[in-house]
N, C-alpha and C. Protein backbone atom coordinates (compact mmCIF):
# COMPACT_ATOMS: atom_id res chain seq x y z
N MET A 1 31.51 155.16 -100.25
CA MET A 1 31.92 155.44 -101.61
C MET A 1 32.87 156.63 -101.59
N THR A 2 33.91 156.55 -102.36
CA THR A 2 34.87 157.65 -102.50
C THR A 2 34.80 158.17 -103.93
N VAL A 3 34.73 159.49 -104.08
CA VAL A 3 34.70 160.12 -105.40
C VAL A 3 35.66 161.30 -105.43
N THR A 4 36.09 161.65 -106.62
CA THR A 4 36.94 162.83 -106.76
C THR A 4 36.08 164.07 -106.91
N LEU A 5 36.66 165.20 -106.59
CA LEU A 5 35.95 166.46 -106.78
C LEU A 5 35.66 166.69 -108.26
N GLY A 6 36.57 166.24 -109.12
CA GLY A 6 36.34 166.36 -110.56
C GLY A 6 35.11 165.58 -110.99
N GLU A 7 34.93 164.37 -110.44
CA GLU A 7 33.75 163.58 -110.76
C GLU A 7 32.47 164.27 -110.28
N LEU A 8 32.52 164.84 -109.08
CA LEU A 8 31.35 165.55 -108.57
C LEU A 8 31.01 166.75 -109.45
N ALA A 9 32.03 167.48 -109.86
CA ALA A 9 31.80 168.66 -110.70
C ALA A 9 31.12 168.29 -112.01
N VAL A 10 31.59 167.23 -112.63
CA VAL A 10 31.00 166.80 -113.90
C VAL A 10 29.59 166.27 -113.69
N ARG A 11 29.42 165.40 -112.72
CA ARG A 11 28.13 164.76 -112.48
C ARG A 11 27.03 165.77 -112.13
N PHE A 12 27.39 166.80 -111.35
CA PHE A 12 26.37 167.74 -110.88
C PHE A 12 26.45 169.11 -111.54
N GLY A 13 27.26 169.25 -112.57
CA GLY A 13 27.31 170.49 -113.34
C GLY A 13 27.84 171.68 -112.57
N CYS A 14 28.84 171.44 -111.74
CA CYS A 14 29.43 172.52 -110.93
C CYS A 14 30.73 173.00 -111.55
N GLU A 15 31.08 174.23 -111.24
CA GLU A 15 32.42 174.73 -111.55
C GLU A 15 33.29 174.39 -110.36
N LEU A 16 34.41 173.73 -110.61
CA LEU A 16 35.32 173.34 -109.54
C LEU A 16 36.48 174.30 -109.46
N ARG A 17 36.75 174.79 -108.27
CA ARG A 17 37.95 175.56 -107.98
C ARG A 17 38.72 174.76 -106.94
N GLY A 18 39.72 174.05 -107.41
CA GLY A 18 40.49 173.17 -106.53
C GLY A 18 41.01 172.00 -107.32
N ASP A 19 41.61 171.05 -106.62
CA ASP A 19 42.23 169.88 -107.23
C ASP A 19 41.17 168.87 -107.65
N PRO A 20 41.03 168.60 -108.94
CA PRO A 20 40.01 167.65 -109.38
C PRO A 20 40.29 166.22 -108.92
N ALA A 21 41.52 165.91 -108.54
CA ALA A 21 41.86 164.56 -108.09
C ALA A 21 41.64 164.36 -106.59
N ALA A 22 41.36 165.43 -105.86
CA ALA A 22 41.10 165.31 -104.42
C ALA A 22 39.86 164.46 -104.21
N THR A 23 39.86 163.63 -103.17
CA THR A 23 38.74 162.73 -102.93
C THR A 23 37.98 163.08 -101.66
N VAL A 24 36.70 162.74 -101.68
CA VAL A 24 35.82 162.88 -100.53
C VAL A 24 34.99 161.61 -100.41
N ASP A 25 34.50 161.34 -99.19
CA ASP A 25 33.70 160.14 -99.02
C ASP A 25 32.52 160.31 -98.06
N THR A 26 32.25 161.54 -97.66
CA THR A 26 31.13 161.78 -96.75
C THR A 26 30.65 163.22 -96.88
N VAL A 27 29.56 163.53 -96.23
CA VAL A 27 29.05 164.90 -96.15
C VAL A 27 28.93 165.26 -94.67
N ALA A 28 28.99 166.55 -94.39
CA ALA A 28 28.89 167.01 -93.00
C ALA A 28 28.51 168.48 -92.96
N ALA A 29 28.08 168.92 -91.79
CA ALA A 29 27.77 170.33 -91.58
C ALA A 29 29.04 171.16 -91.70
N LEU A 30 28.90 172.39 -92.09
CA LEU A 30 30.03 173.29 -92.29
C LEU A 30 30.96 173.32 -91.08
N SER A 31 30.41 173.39 -89.89
CA SER A 31 31.23 173.50 -88.68
C SER A 31 31.85 172.18 -88.24
N ARG A 32 31.35 171.05 -88.76
CA ARG A 32 31.86 169.74 -88.33
C ARG A 32 32.60 168.96 -89.41
N ALA A 33 32.66 169.49 -90.60
CA ALA A 33 33.25 168.76 -91.72
C ALA A 33 34.76 168.61 -91.58
N GLY A 34 35.24 167.41 -91.88
CA GLY A 34 36.67 167.13 -91.89
C GLY A 34 37.21 167.11 -93.31
N PRO A 35 38.47 166.77 -93.47
CA PRO A 35 39.12 166.85 -94.78
C PRO A 35 38.59 165.90 -95.86
N ARG A 36 37.83 164.88 -95.48
CA ARG A 36 37.26 163.97 -96.48
C ARG A 36 35.77 164.21 -96.69
N ALA A 37 35.29 165.36 -96.19
CA ALA A 37 33.86 165.66 -96.26
C ALA A 37 33.56 166.82 -97.21
N VAL A 38 32.36 166.75 -97.77
CA VAL A 38 31.80 167.85 -98.55
C VAL A 38 30.76 168.52 -97.66
N THR A 39 30.73 169.83 -97.68
CA THR A 39 29.74 170.60 -96.95
C THR A 39 29.14 171.62 -97.90
N PHE A 40 28.27 172.49 -97.39
CA PHE A 40 27.69 173.51 -98.26
C PHE A 40 27.41 174.79 -97.50
N LEU A 41 27.30 175.86 -98.25
CA LEU A 41 26.91 177.16 -97.72
C LEU A 41 25.82 177.69 -98.64
N ALA A 42 24.60 177.79 -98.11
CA ALA A 42 23.49 178.29 -98.92
C ALA A 42 23.05 179.68 -98.49
N ASN A 43 23.33 180.04 -97.25
CA ASN A 43 22.91 181.33 -96.72
C ASN A 43 24.13 182.21 -96.51
N PRO A 44 24.24 183.32 -97.24
CA PRO A 44 25.42 184.19 -97.13
C PRO A 44 25.68 184.72 -95.72
N LYS A 45 24.69 184.69 -94.84
CA LYS A 45 24.93 185.20 -93.49
C LYS A 45 25.90 184.31 -92.70
N TYR A 46 26.16 183.10 -93.19
CA TYR A 46 27.10 182.19 -92.54
C TYR A 46 28.47 182.16 -93.21
N VAL A 47 28.72 183.07 -94.12
CA VAL A 47 29.97 183.06 -94.88
C VAL A 47 31.19 183.16 -93.96
N ALA A 48 31.08 183.81 -92.82
CA ALA A 48 32.22 183.92 -91.90
C ALA A 48 32.66 182.56 -91.38
N GLN A 49 31.75 181.59 -91.34
CA GLN A 49 32.11 180.24 -90.88
C GLN A 49 33.05 179.52 -91.84
N LEU A 50 33.10 179.98 -93.08
CA LEU A 50 34.01 179.35 -94.05
C LEU A 50 35.46 179.43 -93.59
N ALA A 51 35.83 180.51 -92.92
CA ALA A 51 37.22 180.70 -92.50
C ALA A 51 37.70 179.58 -91.59
N ASP A 52 36.80 178.96 -90.84
CA ASP A 52 37.17 177.92 -89.88
C ASP A 52 36.90 176.50 -90.35
N THR A 53 36.32 176.33 -91.53
CA THR A 53 35.98 174.97 -91.95
C THR A 53 37.23 174.15 -92.25
N ARG A 54 37.13 172.87 -91.95
CA ARG A 54 38.21 171.93 -92.27
C ARG A 54 37.76 170.96 -93.36
N ALA A 55 36.67 171.31 -94.04
CA ALA A 55 36.09 170.44 -95.07
C ALA A 55 37.06 170.24 -96.23
N GLY A 56 36.88 169.11 -96.91
CA GLY A 56 37.64 168.87 -98.13
C GLY A 56 37.15 169.73 -99.27
N ALA A 57 35.86 170.03 -99.25
CA ALA A 57 35.26 170.89 -100.29
C ALA A 57 33.96 171.46 -99.76
N VAL A 58 33.60 172.61 -100.31
CA VAL A 58 32.34 173.25 -99.95
C VAL A 58 31.58 173.58 -101.23
N ILE A 59 30.28 173.34 -101.21
CA ILE A 59 29.40 173.68 -102.32
C ILE A 59 28.77 175.03 -101.98
N LEU A 60 28.88 175.98 -102.89
CA LEU A 60 28.32 177.31 -102.64
C LEU A 60 28.05 178.04 -103.93
N GLU A 61 27.41 179.20 -103.81
CA GLU A 61 27.12 180.03 -104.98
C GLU A 61 28.38 180.80 -105.36
N ALA A 62 28.43 181.25 -106.60
CA ALA A 62 29.60 181.97 -107.11
C ALA A 62 29.91 183.21 -106.28
N LYS A 63 28.88 183.90 -105.78
CA LYS A 63 29.12 185.14 -105.04
C LYS A 63 29.84 184.92 -103.71
N SER A 64 29.87 183.69 -103.21
CA SER A 64 30.56 183.39 -101.95
C SER A 64 31.89 182.69 -102.16
N ALA A 65 32.22 182.33 -103.39
CA ALA A 65 33.41 181.53 -103.66
C ALA A 65 34.71 182.17 -103.20
N ALA A 66 34.82 183.47 -103.29
CA ALA A 66 36.06 184.15 -102.91
C ALA A 66 36.37 184.00 -101.43
N PHE A 67 35.39 183.67 -100.62
CA PHE A 67 35.59 183.54 -99.17
C PHE A 67 36.02 182.14 -98.75
N SER A 68 36.03 181.19 -99.67
CA SER A 68 36.31 179.80 -99.32
C SER A 68 37.81 179.51 -99.28
N PRO A 69 38.31 178.99 -98.14
CA PRO A 69 39.72 178.63 -98.04
C PRO A 69 40.00 177.20 -98.52
N VAL A 70 38.95 176.49 -98.92
CA VAL A 70 39.09 175.10 -99.37
C VAL A 70 38.55 174.97 -100.79
N ALA A 71 38.68 173.79 -101.36
CA ALA A 71 38.16 173.54 -102.70
C ALA A 71 36.67 173.88 -102.74
N THR A 72 36.24 174.43 -103.86
CA THR A 72 34.84 174.83 -103.98
C THR A 72 34.19 174.20 -105.20
N LEU A 73 32.94 173.82 -105.02
CA LEU A 73 32.08 173.39 -106.11
C LEU A 73 31.01 174.46 -106.22
N ILE A 74 31.05 175.24 -107.27
CA ILE A 74 30.12 176.35 -107.43
C ILE A 74 28.86 175.84 -108.12
N ALA A 75 27.72 176.07 -107.45
CA ALA A 75 26.43 175.58 -107.94
C ALA A 75 25.38 176.67 -107.82
N ALA A 76 24.42 176.65 -108.72
CA ALA A 76 23.33 177.63 -108.67
C ALA A 76 22.47 177.42 -107.43
N ASN A 77 22.31 176.17 -107.01
CA ASN A 77 21.52 175.84 -105.83
C ASN A 77 22.35 174.94 -104.92
N PRO A 78 23.16 175.50 -104.04
CA PRO A 78 24.06 174.69 -103.21
C PRO A 78 23.34 173.65 -102.34
N HIS A 79 22.20 174.00 -101.79
CA HIS A 79 21.49 173.07 -100.92
C HIS A 79 21.03 171.84 -101.70
N ALA A 80 20.45 172.04 -102.87
CA ALA A 80 19.99 170.92 -103.70
C ALA A 80 21.17 170.07 -104.17
N THR A 81 22.26 170.72 -104.55
CA THR A 81 23.44 169.98 -104.99
C THR A 81 24.01 169.16 -103.85
N TYR A 82 24.06 169.73 -102.66
CA TYR A 82 24.53 169.01 -101.47
C TYR A 82 23.67 167.77 -101.23
N ALA A 83 22.37 167.91 -101.36
CA ALA A 83 21.47 166.77 -101.16
C ALA A 83 21.75 165.66 -102.17
N ARG A 84 22.03 166.04 -103.39
CA ARG A 84 22.34 165.05 -104.43
C ARG A 84 23.68 164.37 -104.16
N VAL A 85 24.67 165.14 -103.69
CA VAL A 85 25.97 164.56 -103.33
C VAL A 85 25.79 163.60 -102.15
N ALA A 86 25.00 163.99 -101.17
CA ALA A 86 24.75 163.12 -100.01
C ALA A 86 24.12 161.80 -100.44
N THR A 87 23.19 161.86 -101.38
CA THR A 87 22.55 160.65 -101.88
C THR A 87 23.55 159.76 -102.61
N LEU A 88 24.46 160.37 -103.34
CA LEU A 88 25.49 159.60 -104.04
C LEU A 88 26.43 158.93 -103.05
N LEU A 89 26.90 159.67 -102.07
CA LEU A 89 27.89 159.15 -101.13
C LEU A 89 27.28 158.20 -100.10
N HIS A 90 26.00 158.38 -99.79
CA HIS A 90 25.33 157.57 -98.76
C HIS A 90 23.99 157.07 -99.30
N PRO A 91 24.03 156.14 -100.28
CA PRO A 91 22.77 155.65 -100.86
C PRO A 91 21.97 154.84 -99.84
N ASP A 92 20.67 154.78 -100.08
CA ASP A 92 19.81 153.95 -99.23
C ASP A 92 20.22 152.49 -99.39
N PRO A 93 20.13 151.71 -98.32
CA PRO A 93 20.46 150.28 -98.46
C PRO A 93 19.44 149.60 -99.37
N PRO A 94 19.86 148.54 -100.06
CA PRO A 94 18.93 147.85 -100.96
C PRO A 94 17.80 147.19 -100.17
N LEU A 95 16.64 147.16 -100.79
CA LEU A 95 15.49 146.49 -100.18
C LEU A 95 15.58 145.00 -100.49
N HIS A 96 15.16 144.19 -99.55
CA HIS A 96 15.15 142.74 -99.73
C HIS A 96 13.70 142.28 -99.74
N PRO A 97 13.17 141.96 -100.93
CA PRO A 97 11.77 141.54 -101.03
C PRO A 97 11.48 140.37 -100.10
N GLY A 98 10.34 140.45 -99.44
CA GLY A 98 9.91 139.37 -98.57
C GLY A 98 10.43 139.49 -97.14
N ALA A 99 11.39 140.33 -96.90
CA ALA A 99 11.90 140.50 -95.53
C ALA A 99 11.17 141.65 -94.86
N HIS A 100 10.74 141.43 -93.65
CA HIS A 100 10.01 142.48 -92.92
C HIS A 100 10.74 142.85 -91.67
């Protein structure tokens, strides 16, 4: 599934700093994220890793936003928001009744 950062901001109640038309289609760890991935920063002790990220967007708290070189989705709880984005982008496969 591909979504715009603007759609993510509206759906999850985030403040977006970046291009609302930019698209992402996966999630990844901060150090491994590519340009089509969303990542997150929940622990300020890892803020230095933001300088090297290649992510399309990062979810973080407002106090860390100034350190982000990429689009940011500002959330009160970055980890929980990341989990919700991951569920949206990578939903569980449908169950097929009767199949084991």
